Amino acid sequence: MDQTGWVIAAPAKVNWTLRVVGRRSDGYHDIESLVSKLDLADALWFEDRGSGQLELHCDNDGLPGGQDNLVLRAAQALRRTTGVGRGMSCRLCKRIPVGGGLGGGSADAAATLVALNAIWSLGLTQERLAAVGAEVGSDVPLFMAPGSVVMRGRGEIVAPVPARWSGTVVLLLPGIEVSTARVYAAWRPPSEKQANPVLPEPCPDAREWMSRTFNMLEEPAFRIWPVLGEIQRAAGSLAGREVRMSGSGSTFMTAFDDPEEADRFAAAARAALNLRTQVVRTIEQGLTIRRLL
């Protein structure tokens, strides 16, 4: 598989803004969120299998296997939708932390749909693939669109938008696997309406940009895992700017205009808070599959 087949990168995402609008009758929550993609990505290698067998090999033993893995669920959903009987073998190299609010599983599912659409010569449009992705997971459709997006509904309604801010982002990775279901279950409607807009005006200054960000899932997450609130306060003091949780956590992030300043903060946070850090950049390109020789 190293020399033949197809390869595709599945990027991580961060939520700059995240408003929970309310609970739905189907058990989900309606949200509004501004999301950007990052150059931190999983890599997926595919080979066609005419036998119809679906195989997945992953370098992270902590990931769910079988029917619980979003790569296989995406492939199965695509086969149900199209009636195709083809199979595939996928090798997944995980680089996006699991359970960190960076969307790794959803990105892998989206990349699988894009890849198999090409490999199986299905000819489905991006909109049709996004609809299949929404059956697999709420966040899957956002990865179908390039660049920044505003996501609404339970996450399946996606509108691409011009980048509001772009540059260097420092990720703080506590290594705590947070349950998205528990965080949403703990959410309570706020006593006051969130004043900041979900789609802020474009901003060239990273410190000012971070002051415009918000995440309404921080409060319930911090009630369940108080250590996350402690990390945010300490990191914000070190950074001299807002530090935001991405999605339902546990990853935190903050933005810098100067890459060297970002590197210094990442080193300081790593030493002072005893957690992993990673310096990444926002990206605007979409999912692209490449044929290997």
C-alpha atoms as a PDB file:
ATOM      1  CA  MET A   1       0.000   0.000   0.000  1.00  0.00           C
ATOM      2  CA  ASP A   2       3.017   2.302   0.310  1.00  0.00           C
ATOM      3  CA  GLN A   3       3.593   2.218  -3.458  1.00  0.00           C
ATOM      4  CA  THR A   4       0.120   1.923  -4.995  1.00  0.00           C
ATOM      5  CA  GLY A   5      -3.406   3.161  -4.446  1.00  0.00           C
ATOM      6  CA  TRP A   6      -4.597   6.598  -3.387  1.00  0.00           C
ATOM      7  CA  VAL A   7      -3.760   8.957  -0.502  1.00  0.00           C
ATOM      8  CA  ILE A   8      -5.738  11.804   1.053  1.00  0.00           C
ATOM      9  CA  ALA A   9      -5.121  14.115   4.035  1.00  0.00           C
ATOM     10  CA  ALA A  10      -7.929  14.737   6.556  1.00  0.00           C
ATOM     11  CA  PRO A  11      -7.369  18.083   8.346  1.00  0.00           C
ATOM     12  CA  ALA A  12      -8.208  19.001  11.920  1.00  0.00           C
ATOM     13  CA  LYS A  13     -10.530  21.918  12.678  1.00  0.00           C
ATOM     14  CA  VAL A  14     -10.931  24.542  15.374  1.00  0.00           C
ATOM     15  CA  ASN A  15     -14.109  26.303  16.458  1.00  0.00           C
ATOM     16  CA  TRP A  16     -13.499  30.051  16.796  1.00  0.00           C
ATOM     17  CA  THR A  17     -17.071  30.649  17.896  1.00  0.00           C
ATOM     18  CA  LEU A  18     -19.642  28.142  19.111  1.00  0.00           C
ATOM     19  CA  ARG A  19     -23.164  29.029  20.190  1.00  0.00           C
ATOM     20  CA  VAL A  20     -25.592  26.374  21.406  1.00  0.00           C
ATOM     21  CA  VAL A  21     -29.018  27.548  20.255  1.00  0.00           C
ATOM     22  CA  GLY A  22     -31.070  24.917  22.053  1.00  0.00           C
ATOM     23  CA  ARG A  23     -32.051  21.282  22.385  1.00  0.00           C
ATOM     24  CA  ARG A  24     -33.865  19.524  19.550  1.00  0.00           C
ATOM     25  CA  SER A  25     -36.670  17.006  19.760  1.00  0.00           C
ATOM     26  CA  ASP A  26     -34.389  14.363  18.191  1.00  0.00           C
ATOM     27  CA  GLY A  27     -31.934  14.543  21.089  1.00  0.00           C
ATOM     28  CA  TYR A  28     -29.344  16.673  19.286  1.00  0.00           C
ATOM     29  CA  HIS A  29     -28.649  20.372  19.834  1.00  0.00           C
ATOM     30  CA  ASP A  30     -28.890  23.177  17.314  1.00  0.00           C
ATOM     31  CA  ILE A  31     -25.623  25.103  17.122  1.00  0.00           C
ATOM     32  CA  GLU A  32     -23.953  27.931  15.227  1.00  0.00           C
ATOM     33  CA  SER A  33     -20.172  27.865  14.851  1.00  0.00           C
ATOM     34  CA  LEU A  34     -17.367  29.431  12.826  1.00  0.00           C
ATOM     35  CA  VAL A  35     -14.806  26.764  11.952  1.00  0.00           C
ATOM     36  CA  SER A  36     -11.385  26.834  10.270  1.00  0.00           C
ATOM     37  CA  LYS A  37      -9.247  23.906   9.065  1.00  0.00           C
ATOM     38  CA  LEU A  38      -5.638  23.342  10.150  1.00  0.00           C
ATOM     39  CA  ASP A  39      -2.526  21.880   8.551  1.00  0.00           C
ATOM     40  CA  LEU A  40      -2.566  19.197  11.269  1.00  0.00           C
ATOM     41  CA  ALA A  41      -3.983  16.178   9.428  1.00  0.00           C
ATOM     42  CA  ASP A  42      -4.491  12.433   9.466  1.00  0.00           C
ATOM     43  CA  ALA A  43      -3.301  10.523   6.384  1.00  0.00           C
ATOM     44  CA  LEU A  44      -5.419   7.823   4.742  1.00  0.00           C
ATOM     45  CA  TRP A  45      -4.109   5.392   2.111  1.00  0.00           C
ATOM     46  CA  PHE A  46      -6.697   3.465   0.077  1.00  0.00           C
ATOM     47  CA  GLU A  47      -6.645   0.486  -2.251  1.00  0.00           C
ATOM     48  CA  ASP A  48      -9.614  -0.743  -4.272  1.00  0.00           C
ATOM     49  CA  ARG A  49     -11.022  -4.177  -3.387  1.00  0.00           C
ATOM     50  CA  GLY A  50     -13.205  -5.747  -6.075  1.00  0.00           C
ATOM     51  CA  SER A  51     -14.167  -8.486  -3.608  1.00  0.00           C
ATOM     52  CA  GLY A  52     -16.425  -6.080  -1.725  1.00  0.00           C
ATOM     53  CA  GLN A  53     -14.507  -6.450   1.539  1.00  0.00           C
ATOM     54  CA  LEU A  54     -13.981  -3.346   3.676  1.00  0.00           C
ATOM     55  CA  GLU A  55     -10.705  -3.354   5.639  1.00  0.00           C
ATOM     56  CA  LEU A  56      -9.229  -0.779   8.020  1.00  0.00           C
ATOM     57  CA  HIS A  57      -5.742  -0.766   9.524  1.00  0.00           C
ATOM     58  CA  CYS A  58      -4.838   2.010  11.975  1.00  0.00           C
ATOM     59  CA  ASP A  59      -1.605   2.917  13.747  1.00  0.00           C
ATOM     60  CA  ASN A  60      -3.549   3.965  16.882  1.00  0.00           C
ATOM     61  CA  ASP A  61      -4.733   1.001  18.938  1.00  0.00           C
ATOM     62  CA  GLY A  62      -6.926   3.304  21.037  1.00  0.00           C
ATOM     63  CA  LEU A  63      -9.340   3.960  18.188  1.00  0.00           C
ATOM     64  CA  PRO A  64     -12.585   2.006  17.928  1.00  0.00           C
ATOM     65  CA  GLY A  65     -12.541  -0.720  15.302  1.00  0.00           C
ATOM     66  CA  GLY A  66     -15.180  -2.523  13.319  1.00  0.00           C
ATOM     67  CA  GLN A  67     -18.563  -0.871  12.863  1.00  0.00           C
ATOM     68  CA  ASP A  68     -17.766   1.874  15.405  1.00  0.00           C
ATOM     69  CA  ASN A  69     -15.025   3.390  13.260  1.00  0.00           C
ATOM     70  CA  LEU A  70     -16.195   6.352  11.199  1.00  0.00           C
ATOM     71  CA  VAL A  71     -14.049   5.346   8.206  1.00  0.00           C
ATOM     72  CA  LEU A  72     -15.893   2.050   7.851  1.00  0.00           C
ATOM     73  CA  ARG A  73     -19.256   3.647   8.658  1.00  0.00           C
ATOM     74  CA  ALA A  74     -18.670   6.203   5.891  1.00  0.00           C
ATOM     75  CA  ALA A  75     -17.782   3.480   3.377  1.00  0.00           C
ATOM     76  CA  GLN A  76     -20.862   1.484   4.314  1.00  0.00           C
ATOM     77  CA  ALA A  77     -23.119   4.558   4.078  1.00  0.00           C
ATOM     78  CA  LEU A  78     -21.752   5.298   0.606  1.00  0.00           C
ATOM     79  CA  ARG A  79     -22.428   1.736  -0.529  1.00  0.00           C
ATOM     80  CA  ARG A  80     -26.004   1.877   0.813  1.00  0.00           C
ATOM     81  CA  THR A  81     -26.638   5.165  -0.980  1.00  0.00           C
ATOM     82  CA  THR A  82     -25.239   4.107  -4.349  1.00  0.00           C
ATOM     83  CA  GLY A  83     -25.826   0.356  -4.331  1.00  0.00           C
ATOM     84  CA  VAL A  84     -22.221  -0.207  -5.346  1.00  0.00           C
ATOM     85  CA  GLY A  85     -20.694  -3.492  -4.247  1.00  0.00           C
ATOM     86  CA  ARG A  86     -17.026  -2.492  -4.333  1.00  0.00           C
ATOM     87  CA  GLY A  87     -14.666  -2.824  -1.376  1.00  0.00           C
ATOM     88  CA  MET A  88     -11.560  -1.070  -0.132  1.00  0.00           C
ATOM     89  CA  SER A  89      -8.577  -1.378   2.156  1.00  0.00           C
ATOM     90  CA  CYS A  90      -7.620   1.700   4.179  1.00  0.00           C
ATOM     91  CA  ARG A  91      -4.550   2.427   6.263  1.00  0.00           C
ATOM     92  CA  LEU A  92      -5.171   5.283   8.667  1.00  0.00           C
ATOM     93  CA  CYS A  93      -2.237   7.175  10.188  1.00  0.00           C
ATOM     94  CA  LYS A  94      -3.575   9.219  13.091  1.00  0.00           C
ATOM     95  CA  ARG A  95      -1.999  12.600  13.786  1.00  0.00           C
ATOM     96  CA  ILE A  96      -5.071  14.396  15.139  1.00  0.00           C
ATOM     97  CA  PRO A  97      -5.575  13.685  18.868  1.00  0.00           C
ATOM     98  CA  VAL A  98      -8.581  11.486  19.634  1.00  0.00           C
ATOM     99  CA  GLY A  99     -11.402  13.010  21.688  1.00  0.00           C
ATOM    100  CA  GLY A 100      -9.844  16.469  21.655  1.00  0.00           C
ATOM    101  CA  GLY A 101     -12.505  18.549  19.916  1.00  0.00           C
ATOM    102  CA  LEU A 102     -10.490  18.804  16.685  1.00  0.00           C
ATOM    103  CA  GLY A 103     -12.840  16.718  14.555  1.00  0.00           C
ATOM    104  CA  GLY A 104     -10.415  13.950  13.622  1.00  0.00           C
ATOM    105  CA  GLY A 105     -12.974  11.169  13.282  1.00  0.00           C
ATOM    106  CA  SER A 106     -15.346  13.315  11.231  1.00  0.00           C
ATOM    107  CA  ALA A 107     -12.462  14.470   9.020  1.00  0.00           C
ATOM    108  CA  ASP A 108     -11.489  10.848   8.390  1.00  0.00           C
ATOM    109  CA  ALA A 109     -15.083  10.016   7.427  1.00  0.00           C
ATOM    110  CA  ALA A 110     -15.265  12.984   5.034  1.00  0.00           C
ATOM    111  CA  ALA A 111     -11.929  12.040   3.470  1.00  0.00           C
ATOM    112  CA  THR A 112     -13.173   8.465   3.027  1.00  0.00           C
ATOM    113  CA  LEU A 113     -16.284   9.634   1.179  1.00  0.00           C
ATOM    114  CA  VAL A 114     -14.271  11.913  -1.120  1.00  0.00           C
ATOM    115  CA  ALA A 115     -11.692   9.192  -1.769  1.00  0.00           C
ATOM    116  CA  LEU A 116     -14.150   6.394  -2.476  1.00  0.00           C
ATOM    117  CA  ASN A 117     -16.260   8.644  -4.688  1.00  0.00           C
ATOM    118  CA  ALA A 118     -13.178   8.979  -6.890  1.00  0.00           C
ATOM    119  CA  ILE A 119     -11.836   5.436  -6.548  1.00  0.00           C
ATOM    120  CA  TRP A 120     -15.218   3.830  -7.269  1.00  0.00           C
ATOM    121  CA  SER A 121     -15.974   6.382 -10.060  1.00  0.00           C
ATOM    122  CA  LEU A 122     -19.332   7.279  -8.504  1.00  0.00           C
ATOM    123  CA  GLY A 123     -19.512  10.885  -9.716  1.00  0.00           C
ATOM    124  CA  LEU A 124     -21.446  12.187  -6.695  1.00  0.00           C
ATOM    125  CA  THR A 125     -21.497  15.954  -6.165  1.00  0.00           C
ATOM    126  CA  GLN A 126     -20.046  17.601  -3.047  1.00  0.00           C
ATOM    127  CA  GLU A 127     -23.596  18.296  -1.868  1.00  0.00           C
ATOM    128  CA  ARG A 128     -24.606  14.642  -2.224  1.00  0.00           C
ATOM    129  CA  LEU A 129     -21.478  13.476  -0.430  1.00  0.00           C
ATOM    130  CA  ALA A 130     -22.186  15.948   2.370  1.00  0.00           C
ATOM    131  CA  ALA A 131     -25.688  14.501   2.730  1.00  0.00           C
ATOM    132  CA  VAL A 132     -24.221  11.003   3.056  1.00  0.00           C
ATOM    133  CA  GLY A 133     -21.697  12.379   5.558  1.00  0.00           C
ATOM    134  CA  ALA A 134     -24.472  13.882   7.690  1.00  0.00           C
ATOM    135  CA  GLU A 135     -25.824  10.343   8.166  1.00  0.00           C
ATOM    136  CA  VAL A 136     -22.444   9.293   9.572  1.00  0.00           C
ATOM    137  CA  GLY A 137     -21.818  12.237  11.913  1.00  0.00           C
ATOM    138  CA  SER A 138     -22.920  15.821  12.494  1.00  0.00           C
ATOM    139  CA  ASP A 139     -19.469  17.317  11.834  1.00  0.00           C
ATOM    140  CA  VAL A 140     -18.702  15.358   8.665  1.00  0.00           C
ATOM    141  CA  PRO A 141     -20.211  17.830   6.138  1.00  0.00           C
ATOM    142  CA  LEU A 142     -18.049  20.754   7.314  1.00  0.00           C
ATOM    143  CA  PHE A 143     -14.941  18.960   6.010  1.00  0.00           C
ATOM    144  CA  MET A 144     -16.424  18.691   2.512  1.00  0.00           C
ATOM    145  CA  ALA A 145     -16.159  22.447   1.986  1.00  0.00           C
ATOM    146  CA  PRO A 146     -12.760  24.108   1.601  1.00  0.00           C
ATOM    147  CA  GLY A 147     -11.583  26.815   3.986  1.00  0.00           C
ATOM    148  CA  SER A 148     -13.612  28.374   6.768  1.00  0.00           C
ATOM    149  CA  VAL A 149     -17.307  27.626   7.220  1.00  0.00           C
ATOM    150  CA  VAL A 150     -20.235  28.522   9.421  1.00  0.00           C
ATOM    151  CA  MET A 151     -22.064  25.397  10.526  1.00  0.00           C
ATOM    152  CA  ARG A 152     -25.650  25.395  11.769  1.00  0.00           C
ATOM    153  CA  GLY A 153     -28.389  22.943  12.698  1.00  0.00           C
ATOM    154  CA  ARG A 154     -26.782  19.979  14.399  1.00  0.00           C
ATOM    155  CA  GLY A 155     -23.708  20.739  12.266  1.00  0.00           C
ATOM    156  CA  GLU A 156     -24.942  19.415   8.925  1.00  0.00           C
ATOM    157  CA  ILE A 157     -25.872  22.837   7.460  1.00  0.00           C
ATOM    158  CA  VAL A 158     -22.592  24.303   6.175  1.00  0.00           C
ATOM    159  CA  ALA A 159     -21.916  27.643   4.490  1.00  0.00           C
ATOM    160  CA  PRO A 160     -18.374  28.501   3.288  1.00  0.00           C
ATOM    161  CA  VAL A 161     -17.213  31.982   4.297  1.00  0.00           C
ATOM    162  CA  PRO A 162     -14.082  34.035   3.597  1.00  0.00           C
ATOM    163  CA  ALA A 163     -11.436  33.613   6.290  1.00  0.00           C
ATOM    164  CA  ARG A 164     -11.981  36.014   9.182  1.00  0.00           C
ATOM    165  CA  TRP A 165      -8.449  35.516  10.475  1.00  0.00           C
ATOM    166  CA  SER A 166      -5.601  33.314   9.226  1.00  0.00           C
ATOM    167  CA  GLY A 167      -2.169  32.547  10.589  1.00  0.00           C
ATOM    168  CA  THR A 168      -0.408  30.630  13.347  1.00  0.00           C
ATOM    169  CA  VAL A 169      -2.340  28.740  16.008  1.00  0.00           C
ATOM    170  CA  VAL A 170      -0.942  27.112  19.146  1.00  0.00           C
ATOM    171  CA  LEU A 171      -2.802  24.003  20.260  1.00  0.00           C
ATOM    172  CA  LEU A 172      -2.678  22.972  23.929  1.00  0.00           C
ATOM    173  CA  LEU A 173      -3.354  19.256  24.281  1.00  0.00           C
ATOM    174  CA  PRO A 174      -4.138  18.145  27.863  1.00  0.00           C
ATOM    175  CA  GLY A 175      -4.565  14.520  26.778  1.00  0.00           C
ATOM    176  CA  ILE A 176      -7.984  14.308  28.441  1.00  0.00           C
ATOM    177  CA  GLU A 177     -10.519  12.449  26.285  1.00  0.00           C
ATOM    178  CA  VAL A 178     -13.748  14.394  26.676  1.00  0.00           C
ATOM    179  CA  SER A 179     -17.166  12.880  25.983  1.00  0.00           C
ATOM    180  CA  THR A 180     -19.071  15.145  23.602  1.00  0.00           C
ATOM    181  CA  ALA A 181     -22.360  13.569  24.714  1.00  0.00           C
ATOM    182  CA  ARG A 182     -21.654  14.367  28.388  1.00  0.00           C
ATOM    183  CA  VAL A 183     -20.741  17.970  27.618  1.00  0.00           C
ATOM    184  CA  TYR A 184     -23.904  18.588  25.611  1.00  0.00           C
ATOM    185  CA  ALA A 185     -26.015  16.835  28.261  1.00  0.00           C
ATOM    186  CA  ALA A 186     -24.588  19.204  30.882  1.00  0.00           C
ATOM    187  CA  TRP A 187     -25.309  22.332  28.806  1.00  0.00           C
ATOM    188  CA  ARG A 188     -27.898  24.732  30.238  1.00  0.00           C
ATOM    189  CA  PRO A 189     -29.392  27.764  28.475  1.00  0.00           C
ATOM    190  CA  PRO A 190     -27.482  30.893  29.568  1.00  0.00           C
ATOM    191  CA  SER A 191     -29.213  33.558  31.644  1.00  0.00           C
ATOM    192  CA  GLU A 192     -28.004  36.224  29.201  1.00  0.00           C
ATOM    193  CA  LYS A 193     -27.797  36.107  25.419  1.00  0.00           C
ATOM    194  CA  GLN A 194     -24.285  35.788  23.975  1.00  0.00           C
ATOM    195  CA  ALA A 195     -23.581  39.226  22.522  1.00  0.00           C
ATOM    196  CA  ASN A 196     -20.636  38.368  20.244  1.00  0.00           C
ATOM    197  CA  PRO A 197     -21.590  37.419  16.663  1.00  0.00           C
ATOM    198  CA  VAL A 198     -20.988  33.869  15.442  1.00  0.00           C
ATOM    199  CA  LEU A 199     -19.361  35.369  12.330  1.00  0.00           C
ATOM    200  CA  PRO A 200     -17.116  38.224  13.527  1.00  0.00           C
ATOM    201  CA  GLU A 201     -15.808  40.877  11.163  1.00  0.00           C
ATOM    202  CA  PRO A 202     -12.427  40.080   9.549  1.00  0.00           C
ATOM    203  CA  CYS A 203      -9.546  40.954  11.847  1.00  0.00           C
ATOM    204  CA  PRO A 204      -5.811  41.149  11.009  1.00  0.00           C
ATOM    205  CA  ASP A 205      -4.644  41.204  14.653  1.00  0.00           C
ATOM    206  CA  ALA A 206      -4.479  37.855  16.474  1.00  0.00           C
ATOM    207  CA  ARG A 207      -4.885  39.243  20.006  1.00  0.00           C
ATOM    208  CA  GLU A 208      -7.950  41.256  18.969  1.00  0.00           C
ATOM    209  CA  TRP A 209      -9.268  38.259  17.039  1.00  0.00           C
ATOM    210  CA  MET A 210      -9.111  36.031  20.107  1.00  0.00           C
ATOM    211  CA  SER A 211     -11.121  38.609  22.078  1.00  0.00           C
ATOM    212  CA  ARG A 212     -13.976  38.043  19.596  1.00  0.00           C
ATOM    213  CA  THR A 213     -14.048  34.257  20.022  1.00  0.00           C
ATOM    214  CA  PHE A 214     -16.331  32.311  22.374  1.00  0.00           C
ATOM    215  CA  ASN A 215     -17.473  28.767  23.090  1.00  0.00           C
ATOM    216  CA  MET A 216     -20.680  28.058  24.994  1.00  0.00           C
ATOM    217  CA  LEU A 217     -19.558  24.470  25.674  1.00  0.00           C
ATOM    218  CA  GLU A 218     -16.715  25.623  27.909  1.00  0.00           C
ATOM    219  CA  GLU A 219     -18.938  26.168  30.934  1.00  0.00           C
ATOM    220  CA  PRO A 220     -20.476  22.647  30.986  1.00  0.00           C
ATOM    221  CA  ALA A 221     -17.119  21.038  30.147  1.00  0.00           C
ATOM    222  CA  PHE A 222     -15.412  22.877  33.023  1.00  0.00           C
ATOM    223  CA  ARG A 223     -18.127  21.772  35.445  1.00  0.00           C
ATOM    224  CA  ILE A 224     -17.486  18.130  34.532  1.00  0.00           C
ATOM    225  CA  TRP A 225     -13.673  18.460  34.290  1.00  0.00           C
ATOM    226  CA  PRO A 226     -12.613  21.413  36.519  1.00  0.00           C
ATOM    227  CA  VAL A 227      -8.968  20.909  35.512  1.00  0.00           C
ATOM    228  CA  LEU A 228      -9.867  22.196  32.047  1.00  0.00           C
ATOM    229  CA  GLY A 229     -10.913  25.532  33.492  1.00  0.00           C
ATOM    230  CA  GLU A 230      -7.652  25.704  35.421  1.00  0.00           C
ATOM    231  CA  ILE A 231      -5.686  25.064  32.230  1.00  0.00           C
ATOM    232  CA  GLN A 232      -7.569  27.786  30.348  1.00  0.00           C
ATOM    233  CA  ARG A 233      -6.935  30.396  33.054  1.00  0.00           C
ATOM    234  CA  ALA A 234      -3.253  29.554  33.386  1.00  0.00           C
ATOM    235  CA  ALA A 235      -2.692  29.434  29.632  1.00  0.00           C
ATOM    236  CA  GLY A 236      -4.485  32.750  29.109  1.00  0.00           C
ATOM    237  CA  SER A 237      -2.245  34.384  31.685  1.00  0.00           C
ATOM    238  CA  LEU A 238       0.852  33.032  29.929  1.00  0.00           C
ATOM    239  CA  ALA A 239      -0.366  34.030  26.459  1.00  0.00           C
ATOM    240  CA  GLY A 240      -1.577  37.489  27.372  1.00  0.00           C
ATOM    241  CA  ARG A 241      -4.747  36.886  25.343  1.00  0.00           C
ATOM    242  CA  GLU A 242      -7.849  34.736  25.269  1.00  0.00           C
ATOM    243  CA  VAL A 243      -7.343  30.986  25.109  1.00  0.00           C
ATOM    244  CA  ARG A 244     -10.338  29.119  23.741  1.00  0.00           C
ATOM    245  CA  MET A 245     -11.503  25.503  23.946  1.00  0.00           C
ATOM    246  CA  SER A 246     -12.211  23.902  20.555  1.00  0.00           C
ATOM    247  CA  GLY A 247     -15.554  22.154  20.181  1.00  0.00           C
ATOM    248  CA  SER A 248     -16.443  20.095  23.233  1.00  0.00           C
ATOM    249  CA  GLY A 249     -12.774  19.896  24.277  1.00  0.00           C
ATOM    250  CA  SER A 250     -10.298  19.058  25.585  1.00  0.00           C
ATOM    251  CA  THR A 251      -7.977  20.886  23.173  1.00  0.00           C
ATOM    252  CA  PHE A 252      -7.375  24.600  23.703  1.00  0.00           C
ATOM    253  CA  MET A 253      -6.024  27.044  21.149  1.00  0.00           C
ATOM    254  CA  THR A 254      -4.949  30.634  20.730  1.00  0.00           C
ATOM    255  CA  ALA A 255      -3.753  32.697  17.763  1.00  0.00           C
ATOM    256  CA  PHE A 256      -0.519  34.591  17.050  1.00  0.00           C
ATOM    257  CA  ASP A 257       0.563  36.921  14.263  1.00  0.00           C
ATOM    258  CA  ASP A 258       4.272  36.209  14.833  1.00  0.00           C
ATOM    259  CA  PRO A 259       5.295  32.518  14.431  1.00  0.00           C
ATOM    260  CA  GLU A 260       8.303  33.050  16.706  1.00  0.00           C
ATOM    261  CA  GLU A 261       6.047  34.418  19.440  1.00  0.00           C
ATOM    262  CA  ALA A 262       3.831  31.368  18.969  1.00  0.00           C
ATOM    263  CA  ASP A 263       6.853  29.080  19.384  1.00  0.00           C
ATOM    264  CA  ARG A 264       7.859  30.875  22.597  1.00  0.00           C
ATOM    265  CA  PHE A 265       4.374  30.562  24.056  1.00  0.00           C
ATOM    266  CA  ALA A 266       4.156  26.883  23.090  1.00  0.00           C
ATOM    267  CA  ALA A 267       7.445  26.186  24.893  1.00  0.00           C
ATOM    268  CA  ALA A 268       6.401  28.196  27.968  1.00  0.00           C
ATOM    269  CA  ALA A 269       3.018  26.476  28.188  1.00  0.00           C
ATOM    270  CA  ARG A 270       4.606  23.058  27.749  1.00  0.00           C
ATOM    271  CA  ALA A 271       6.997  23.733  30.631  1.00  0.00           C
ATOM    272  CA  ALA A 272       4.613  25.528  32.982  1.00  0.00           C
ATOM    273  CA  LEU A 273       1.490  23.444  32.460  1.00  0.00           C
ATOM    274  CA  ASN A 274       3.100  20.057  31.724  1.00  0.00           C
ATOM    275  CA  LEU A 275       1.058  19.373  28.641  1.00  0.00           C
ATOM    276  CA  ARG A 276       1.703  18.785  24.972  1.00  0.00           C
ATOM    277  CA  THR A 277       1.633  21.743  22.603  1.00  0.00           C
ATOM    278  CA  GLN A 278       1.688  21.988  18.826  1.00  0.00           C
ATOM    279  CA  VAL A 279       2.132  24.968  16.516  1.00  0.00           C
ATOM    280  CA  VAL A 280      -0.021  24.779  13.371  1.00  0.00           C
ATOM    281  CA  ARG A 281      -1.458  27.063  10.706  1.00  0.00           C
ATOM    282  CA  THR A 282      -4.907  27.625   9.258  1.00  0.00           C
ATOM    283  CA  ILE A 283      -5.494  26.399   5.701  1.00  0.00           C
ATOM    284  CA  GLU A 284      -8.012  27.166   2.986  1.00  0.00           C
ATOM    285  CA  GLN A 285      -7.714  24.188   0.624  1.00  0.00           C
ATOM    286  CA  GLY A 286     -10.239  21.372   0.569  1.00  0.00           C
ATOM    287  CA  LEU A 287      -9.955  17.597   0.511  1.00  0.00           C
ATOM    288  CA  THR A 288      -7.866  16.363  -2.418  1.00  0.00           C
ATOM    289  CA  ILE A 289      -7.157  12.726  -3.310  1.00  0.00           C
ATOM    290  CA  ARG A 290      -3.890  11.833  -5.030  1.00  0.00           C
ATOM    291  CA  ARG A 291      -3.161   8.700  -7.043  1.00  0.00           C
ATOM    292  CA  LEU A 292       0.067   6.887  -6.138  1.00  0.00           C
ATOM    293  CA  LEU A 293       2.195   5.150  -8.765  1.00  0.00           C
END
